[in-house]
Amino acid sequence: QVQLVETGGGLVQVGGSLRLSCAFSGDTFSNYAMAWFRQAPGKEREFVAAISWSGYSSYYADSVKGRFTISRDNAKNMVYLQMNSLKPEDTAGYYCASRKYYSGGVFYEGAMDSWGKGTLVTVSS
């Protein structure tokens, strides 16, 4: 059974940076595409970024393109989200998610297999 644990959230000022980490366990990590989603208070969960099993391909929501970078380390079973130039609208719970044997570029909440419990990011102005 896949388990995902996110860390790295916290309080940061506008324009600052944070790096989120997600630790994967319970199966062969390199068989999974990985993604980050976020959910702001009172809003639906939305896609943020995803990365293919190999790390060769990455995908981003328009709202974070150029500011966020997703990466993975298959030797350590880790996926990361580097967040730069943070804005108040980036405030949300951030969730790591996995999808087994998927090589495409479309990621949405209902398609993901497993989820972490999330880590909270607050961007203060």
N, C-alpha and C. Protein backbone atom coordinates (compact mmCIF):
# COMPACT_ATOMS: atom_id res chain seq x y z
N GLN A 1 0.84 -1.18 0.00
CA GLN A 1 0.00 0.00 0.00
C GLN A 1 0.89 1.24 0.00
N VAL A 2 0.63 2.09 -0.98
CA VAL A 2 1.45 3.30 -1.11
C VAL A 2 1.14 4.28 0.00
N GLN A 3 2.21 4.85 0.55
CA GLN A 3 2.07 5.92 1.53
C GLN A 3 2.86 7.13 1.06
N LEU A 4 2.27 8.30 1.22
CA LEU A 4 2.90 9.55 0.82
C LEU A 4 2.88 10.50 2.02
N VAL A 5 4.04 11.09 2.31
CA VAL A 5 4.14 12.00 3.44
C VAL A 5 4.80 13.30 2.98
N GLU A 6 4.06 14.38 3.09
CA GLU A 6 4.56 15.69 2.67
C GLU A 6 5.19 16.42 3.85
N THR A 7 6.25 17.15 3.59
CA THR A 7 6.87 18.03 4.57
C THR A 7 7.32 19.30 3.87
N GLY A 8 7.64 20.30 4.68
CA GLY A 8 8.22 21.52 4.14
C GLY A 8 7.33 22.74 4.11
N GLY A 9 6.08 22.58 4.45
CA GLY A 9 5.19 23.73 4.47
C GLY A 9 5.54 24.69 5.60
N GLY A 10 4.93 25.88 5.54
CA GLY A 10 5.16 26.85 6.58
C GLY A 10 4.70 28.23 6.18
N LEU A 11 5.11 29.21 6.96
CA LEU A 11 4.75 30.60 6.72
C LEU A 11 5.91 31.30 6.03
N VAL A 12 5.60 32.00 4.94
CA VAL A 12 6.63 32.69 4.17
C VAL A 12 6.06 34.02 3.70
N GLN A 13 6.92 34.99 3.53
CA GLN A 13 6.47 36.29 3.05
C GLN A 13 6.33 36.31 1.53
N VAL A 14 5.55 37.24 1.06
CA VAL A 14 5.39 37.41 -0.39
C VAL A 14 6.78 37.56 -1.04
N GLY A 15 6.96 36.83 -2.13
CA GLY A 15 8.22 36.86 -2.85
C GLY A 15 9.23 35.84 -2.36
N GLY A 16 8.93 35.18 -1.27
CA GLY A 16 9.83 34.20 -0.71
C GLY A 16 9.75 32.85 -1.40
N SER A 17 10.49 31.89 -0.85
CA SER A 17 10.57 30.55 -1.43
C SER A 17 10.37 29.48 -0.37
N LEU A 18 9.87 28.35 -0.81
CA LEU A 18 9.76 27.15 0.02
C LEU A 18 10.01 25.95 -0.87
N ARG A 19 10.50 24.88 -0.27
CA ARG A 19 10.60 23.61 -0.98
C ARG A 19 9.82 22.56 -0.23
N LEU A 20 8.85 22.00 -0.89
CA LEU A 20 8.07 20.91 -0.34
C LEU A 20 8.70 19.59 -0.74
N SER A 21 8.60 18.62 0.16
CA SER A 21 9.09 17.28 -0.11
C SER A 21 7.98 16.28 0.11
N CYS A 22 8.04 15.20 -0.63
CA CYS A 22 7.06 14.11 -0.49
C CYS A 22 7.83 12.80 -0.48
N ALA A 23 7.70 12.07 0.60
CA ALA A 23 8.34 10.77 0.73
C ALA A 23 7.37 9.66 0.34
N PHE A 24 7.80 8.80 -0.56
CA PHE A 24 6.98 7.70 -1.10
C PHE A 24 7.44 6.37 -0.51
N SER A 25 6.50 5.52 -0.16
CA SER A 25 6.85 4.17 0.30
C SER A 25 5.72 3.21 -0.05
N GLY A 26 6.04 1.91 -0.07
CA GLY A 26 5.03 0.89 -0.24
C GLY A 26 4.97 0.23 -1.60
N ASP A 27 5.75 0.71 -2.55
CA ASP A 27 5.76 0.11 -3.88
C ASP A 27 7.01 0.62 -4.60
N THR A 28 7.13 0.25 -5.88
CA THR A 28 8.28 0.68 -6.68
C THR A 28 8.05 2.09 -7.20
N PHE A 29 8.78 3.02 -6.66
CA PHE A 29 8.55 4.44 -6.94
C PHE A 29 8.63 4.78 -8.42
N SER A 30 9.55 4.17 -9.12
CA SER A 30 9.77 4.51 -10.53
C SER A 30 8.64 4.04 -11.44
N ASN A 31 7.65 3.34 -10.89
CA ASN A 31 6.48 2.95 -11.66
C ASN A 31 5.38 4.01 -11.64
N TYR A 32 5.64 5.10 -10.93
CA TYR A 32 4.60 6.09 -10.67
C TYR A 32 4.93 7.46 -11.23
N ALA A 33 3.96 8.05 -11.90
CA ALA A 33 3.99 9.49 -12.12
C ALA A 33 3.54 10.14 -10.82
N MET A 34 4.10 11.31 -10.54
CA MET A 34 3.82 11.99 -9.28
C MET A 34 3.31 13.40 -9.55
N ALA A 35 2.49 13.89 -8.64
CA ALA A 35 1.91 15.21 -8.84
C ALA A 35 1.73 15.93 -7.51
N TRP A 36 1.64 17.23 -7.62
CA TRP A 36 1.24 18.08 -6.50
C TRP A 36 -0.07 18.77 -6.85
N PHE A 37 -0.95 18.76 -5.88
CA PHE A 37 -2.20 19.50 -5.96
C PHE A 37 -2.25 20.46 -4.77
N ARG A 38 -3.16 21.41 -4.82
CA ARG A 38 -3.35 22.29 -3.66
C ARG A 38 -4.83 22.62 -3.50
N GLN A 39 -5.17 22.97 -2.27
CA GLN A 39 -6.54 23.33 -1.96
C GLN A 39 -6.54 24.51 -1.01
N ALA A 40 -7.04 25.62 -1.48
CA ALA A 40 -7.17 26.82 -0.66
C ALA A 40 -8.49 26.76 0.11
N PRO A 41 -8.58 27.49 1.21
CA PRO A 41 -9.82 27.49 2.00
C PRO A 41 -11.01 27.90 1.15
N GLY A 42 -12.06 27.08 1.20
CA GLY A 42 -13.28 27.39 0.46
C GLY A 42 -13.23 27.11 -1.02
N LYS A 43 -12.14 26.51 -1.48
CA LYS A 43 -11.99 26.24 -2.91
C LYS A 43 -11.77 24.75 -3.16
N GLU A 44 -11.95 24.37 -4.42
CA GLU A 44 -11.72 22.98 -4.78
C GLU A 44 -10.22 22.70 -4.92
N ARG A 45 -9.88 21.43 -4.81
CA ARG A 45 -8.50 21.04 -5.00
C ARG A 45 -8.12 21.22 -6.46
N GLU A 46 -6.94 21.75 -6.72
CA GLU A 46 -6.52 22.01 -8.08
C GLU A 46 -5.12 21.46 -8.34
N PHE A 47 -4.89 21.12 -9.59
CA PHE A 47 -3.60 20.61 -10.04
C PHE A 47 -2.56 21.73 -9.99
N VAL A 48 -1.34 21.39 -9.55
CA VAL A 48 -0.24 22.34 -9.51
C VAL A 48 0.87 21.93 -10.46
N ALA A 49 1.37 20.71 -10.30
CA ALA A 49 2.51 20.26 -11.11
C ALA A 49 2.57 18.75 -11.08
N ALA A 50 3.19 18.17 -12.11
CA ALA A 50 3.36 16.72 -12.17
C ALA A 50 4.67 16.40 -12.87
N ILE A 51 5.12 15.17 -12.63
CA ILE A 51 6.37 14.73 -13.24
C ILE A 51 6.24 13.26 -13.62
N SER A 52 6.80 12.91 -14.75
CA SER A 52 6.73 11.53 -15.22
C SER A 52 7.59 10.62 -14.36
N TRP A 53 7.42 9.30 -14.56
CA TRP A 53 8.14 8.34 -13.74
C TRP A 53 9.65 8.50 -13.87
N SER A 54 10.09 8.90 -15.05
CA SER A 54 11.53 9.03 -15.30
C SER A 54 12.07 10.38 -14.87
N GLY A 55 11.17 11.34 -14.68
CA GLY A 55 11.59 12.71 -14.41
C GLY A 55 11.86 13.50 -15.67
N TYR A 56 11.69 12.87 -16.81
CA TYR A 56 12.02 13.53 -18.08
C TYR A 56 10.99 14.59 -18.45
N SER A 57 9.73 14.33 -18.11
CA SER A 57 8.67 15.26 -18.47
C SER A 57 8.02 15.86 -17.23
N SER A 58 7.72 17.14 -17.30
CA SER A 58 7.03 17.80 -16.21
C SER A 58 5.92 18.69 -16.75
N TYR A 59 4.94 18.95 -15.92
CA TYR A 59 3.75 19.66 -16.34
C TYR A 59 3.36 20.62 -15.23
N TYR A 60 2.84 21.78 -15.62
CA TYR A 60 2.52 22.81 -14.63
C TYR A 60 1.19 23.48 -14.94
N ALA A 61 0.52 23.88 -13.88
CA ALA A 61 -0.63 24.76 -14.05
C ALA A 61 -0.12 26.13 -14.49
N ASP A 62 -0.91 26.83 -15.27
CA ASP A 62 -0.50 28.14 -15.76
C ASP A 62 -0.19 29.10 -14.62
N SER A 63 -0.89 28.95 -13.53
CA SER A 63 -0.74 29.88 -12.40
C SER A 63 0.61 29.77 -11.71
N VAL A 64 1.32 28.67 -11.92
CA VAL A 64 2.62 28.48 -11.24
C VAL A 64 3.78 28.35 -12.21
N LYS A 65 3.48 28.31 -13.49
CA LYS A 65 4.52 28.12 -14.50
C LYS A 65 5.56 29.25 -14.40
N GLY A 66 6.83 28.86 -14.38
CA GLY A 66 7.90 29.84 -14.26
C GLY A 66 8.29 30.18 -12.84
N ARG A 67 7.46 29.77 -11.88
CA ARG A 67 7.76 30.04 -10.46
C ARG A 67 8.01 28.75 -9.67
N PHE A 68 7.32 27.69 -10.03
CA PHE A 68 7.45 26.41 -9.32
C PHE A 68 8.19 25.41 -10.20
N THR A 69 8.94 24.53 -9.54
CA THR A 69 9.65 23.47 -10.25
C THR A 69 9.45 22.16 -9.50
N ILE A 70 8.97 21.15 -10.23
CA ILE A 70 8.82 19.82 -9.66
C ILE A 70 10.02 18.98 -10.07
N SER A 71 10.46 18.13 -9.15
CA SER A 71 11.58 17.23 -9.44
C SER A 71 11.41 15.96 -8.63
N ARG A 72 12.18 14.94 -8.98
CA ARG A 72 12.10 13.69 -8.23
C ARG A 72 13.49 13.06 -8.16
N ASP A 73 13.67 12.24 -7.13
CA ASP A 73 14.88 11.47 -6.95
C ASP A 73 14.46 10.01 -6.77
N ASN A 74 14.56 9.23 -7.83
CA ASN A 74 14.09 7.84 -7.78
C ASN A 74 14.95 6.97 -6.86
N ALA A 75 16.16 7.38 -6.61
CA ALA A 75 17.01 6.61 -5.69
C ALA A 75 16.57 6.80 -4.23
N LYS A 76 15.95 7.94 -3.96
CA LYS A 76 15.54 8.25 -2.59
C LYS A 76 14.03 8.14 -2.39
N ASN A 77 13.30 7.82 -3.46
CA ASN A 77 11.83 7.75 -3.39
C ASN A 77 11.22 9.07 -2.93
N MET A 78 11.71 10.16 -3.51
CA MET A 78 11.27 11.49 -3.11
C MET A 78 10.84 12.30 -4.32
N VAL A 79 9.84 13.14 -4.09
CA VAL A 79 9.46 14.14 -5.08
C VAL A 79 9.43 15.49 -4.37
N TYR A 80 9.80 16.53 -5.12
CA TYR A 80 9.95 17.85 -4.53
C TYR A 80 9.15 18.88 -5.32
N LEU A 81 8.81 19.95 -4.63
CA LEU A 81 8.21 21.10 -5.30
C LEU A 81 8.92 22.35 -4.79
N GLN A 82 9.75 22.92 -5.64
CA GLN A 82 10.43 24.17 -5.32
C GLN A 82 9.51 25.32 -5.72
N MET A 83 9.18 26.16 -4.76
CA MET A 83 8.24 27.25 -4.99
C MET A 83 8.96 28.58 -4.76
N ASN A 84 9.05 29.37 -5.80
CA ASN A 84 9.71 30.67 -5.74
C ASN A 84 8.71 31.78 -6.04
N SER A 85 9.08 32.99 -5.70
CA SER A 85 8.24 34.16 -5.97
C SER A 85 6.81 33.93 -5.49
N LEU A 86 6.69 33.49 -4.28
CA LEU A 86 5.38 33.12 -3.75
C LEU A 86 4.47 34.33 -3.62
N LYS A 87 3.18 34.07 -3.86
CA LYS A 87 2.15 35.09 -3.81
C LYS A 87 1.10 34.71 -2.77
N PRO A 88 0.34 35.66 -2.27
CA PRO A 88 -0.71 35.31 -1.30
C PRO A 88 -1.68 34.27 -1.84
N GLU A 89 -1.94 34.29 -3.13
CA GLU A 89 -2.87 33.31 -3.71
C GLU A 89 -2.29 31.90 -3.78
N ASP A 90 -1.03 31.73 -3.43
CA ASP A 90 -0.46 30.40 -3.35
C ASP A 90 -0.75 29.74 -1.99
N THR A 91 -1.33 30.50 -1.07
CA THR A 91 -1.69 29.96 0.23
C THR A 91 -2.69 28.82 0.08
N ALA A 92 -2.34 27.65 0.60
CA ALA A 92 -3.18 26.47 0.44
C ALA A 92 -2.55 25.29 1.16
N GLY A 93 -3.33 24.24 1.30
CA GLY A 93 -2.78 22.96 1.66
C GLY A 93 -2.24 22.31 0.40
N TYR A 94 -1.05 21.78 0.45
CA TYR A 94 -0.41 21.16 -0.72
C TYR A 94 -0.35 19.66 -0.51
N TYR A 95 -0.79 18.93 -1.52
CA TYR A 95 -0.93 17.48 -1.43
C TYR A 95 -0.13 16.80 -2.52
N CYS A 96 0.58 15.77 -2.11
CA CYS A 96 1.32 14.92 -3.03
C CYS A 96 0.41 13.77 -3.45
N ALA A 97 0.48 13.36 -4.71
CA ALA A 97 -0.36 12.28 -5.20
C ALA A 97 0.41 11.44 -6.21
N SER A 98 0.01 10.20 -6.34
CA SER A 98 0.70 9.27 -7.24
C SER A 98 -0.28 8.62 -8.21
N ARG A 99 0.25 8.21 -9.36
CA ARG A 99 -0.55 7.50 -10.35
C ARG A 99 0.35 6.46 -11.00
N LYS A 100 -0.06 5.20 -10.87
CA LYS A 100 0.78 4.09 -11.31
C LYS A 100 0.67 3.86 -12.80
N TYR A 101 1.81 3.57 -13.41
CA TYR A 101 1.90 3.16 -14.82
C TYR A 101 1.26 4.19 -15.76
N TYR A 102 1.41 5.47 -15.45
CA TYR A 102 0.83 6.49 -16.32
C TYR A 102 1.94 7.29 -16.98
N SER A 103 1.85 7.42 -18.31
CA SER A 103 2.90 8.12 -19.04
C SER A 103 2.38 9.34 -19.80
N GLY A 104 1.13 9.71 -19.54
CA GLY A 104 0.57 10.85 -20.22
C GLY A 104 0.81 12.15 -19.49
N GLY A 105 0.15 13.20 -19.93
CA GLY A 105 0.36 14.52 -19.37
C GLY A 105 -0.87 15.16 -18.79
N VAL A 106 -1.89 14.37 -18.52
CA VAL A 106 -3.13 14.90 -17.97
C VAL A 106 -3.30 14.39 -16.54
N PHE A 107 -3.41 15.32 -15.62
CA PHE A 107 -3.52 14.96 -14.20
C PHE A 107 -4.72 15.70 -13.60
N TYR A 108 -5.58 14.95 -12.98
CA TYR A 108 -6.71 15.53 -12.28
C TYR A 108 -7.01 14.68 -11.06
N GLU A 109 -7.74 15.28 -10.12
CA GLU A 109 -7.91 14.68 -8.80
C GLU A 109 -8.44 13.24 -8.89
N GLY A 110 -9.43 13.02 -9.69
CA GLY A 110 -10.05 11.71 -9.76
C GLY A 110 -9.19 10.63 -10.39
N ALA A 111 -8.11 11.01 -11.04
CA ALA A 111 -7.27 10.03 -11.72
C ALA A 111 -6.12 9.53 -10.85
N MET A 112 -5.90 10.17 -9.71
CA MET A 112 -4.76 9.81 -8.88
C MET A 112 -5.08 8.62 -7.99
N ASP A 113 -4.07 7.77 -7.74
CA ASP A 113 -4.28 6.54 -6.99
C ASP A 113 -4.19 6.73 -5.48
N SER A 114 -3.21 7.52 -5.06
CA SER A 114 -2.95 7.67 -3.63
C SER A 114 -2.62 9.12 -3.33
N TRP A 115 -2.89 9.49 -2.07
CA TRP A 115 -2.71 10.88 -1.63
C TRP A 115 -2.02 10.93 -0.28
N GLY A 116 -1.23 11.99 -0.11
CA GLY A 116 -0.73 12.28 1.21
C GLY A 116 -1.74 13.11 2.00
N LYS A 117 -1.39 13.41 3.23
CA LYS A 117 -2.31 14.17 4.09
C LYS A 117 -2.15 15.67 3.94
N GLY A 118 -1.10 16.09 3.27
CA GLY A 118 -0.93 17.50 2.97
C GLY A 118 -0.02 18.25 3.92
N THR A 119 0.46 19.39 3.42
CA THR A 119 1.26 20.30 4.22
C THR A 119 0.81 21.72 3.89
N LEU A 120 0.69 22.54 4.91
CA LEU A 120 0.10 23.86 4.72
C LEU A 120 1.16 24.90 4.38
N VAL A 121 0.86 25.68 3.35
CA VAL A 121 1.71 26.80 2.94
C VAL A 121 0.91 28.08 3.11
N THR A 122 1.46 29.03 3.85
CA THR A 122 0.82 30.32 4.06
C THR A 122 1.77 31.41 3.59
N VAL A 123 1.30 32.22 2.65
CA VAL A 123 2.09 33.31 2.12
C VAL A 123 1.53 34.60 2.67
N SER A 124 2.34 35.29 3.45
CA SER A 124 1.88 36.49 4.14
C SER A 124 2.33 37.75 3.42
N SER A 125 1.39 38.69 3.32
CA SER A 125 1.74 39.97 2.72
C SER A 125 1.99 41.01 3.81
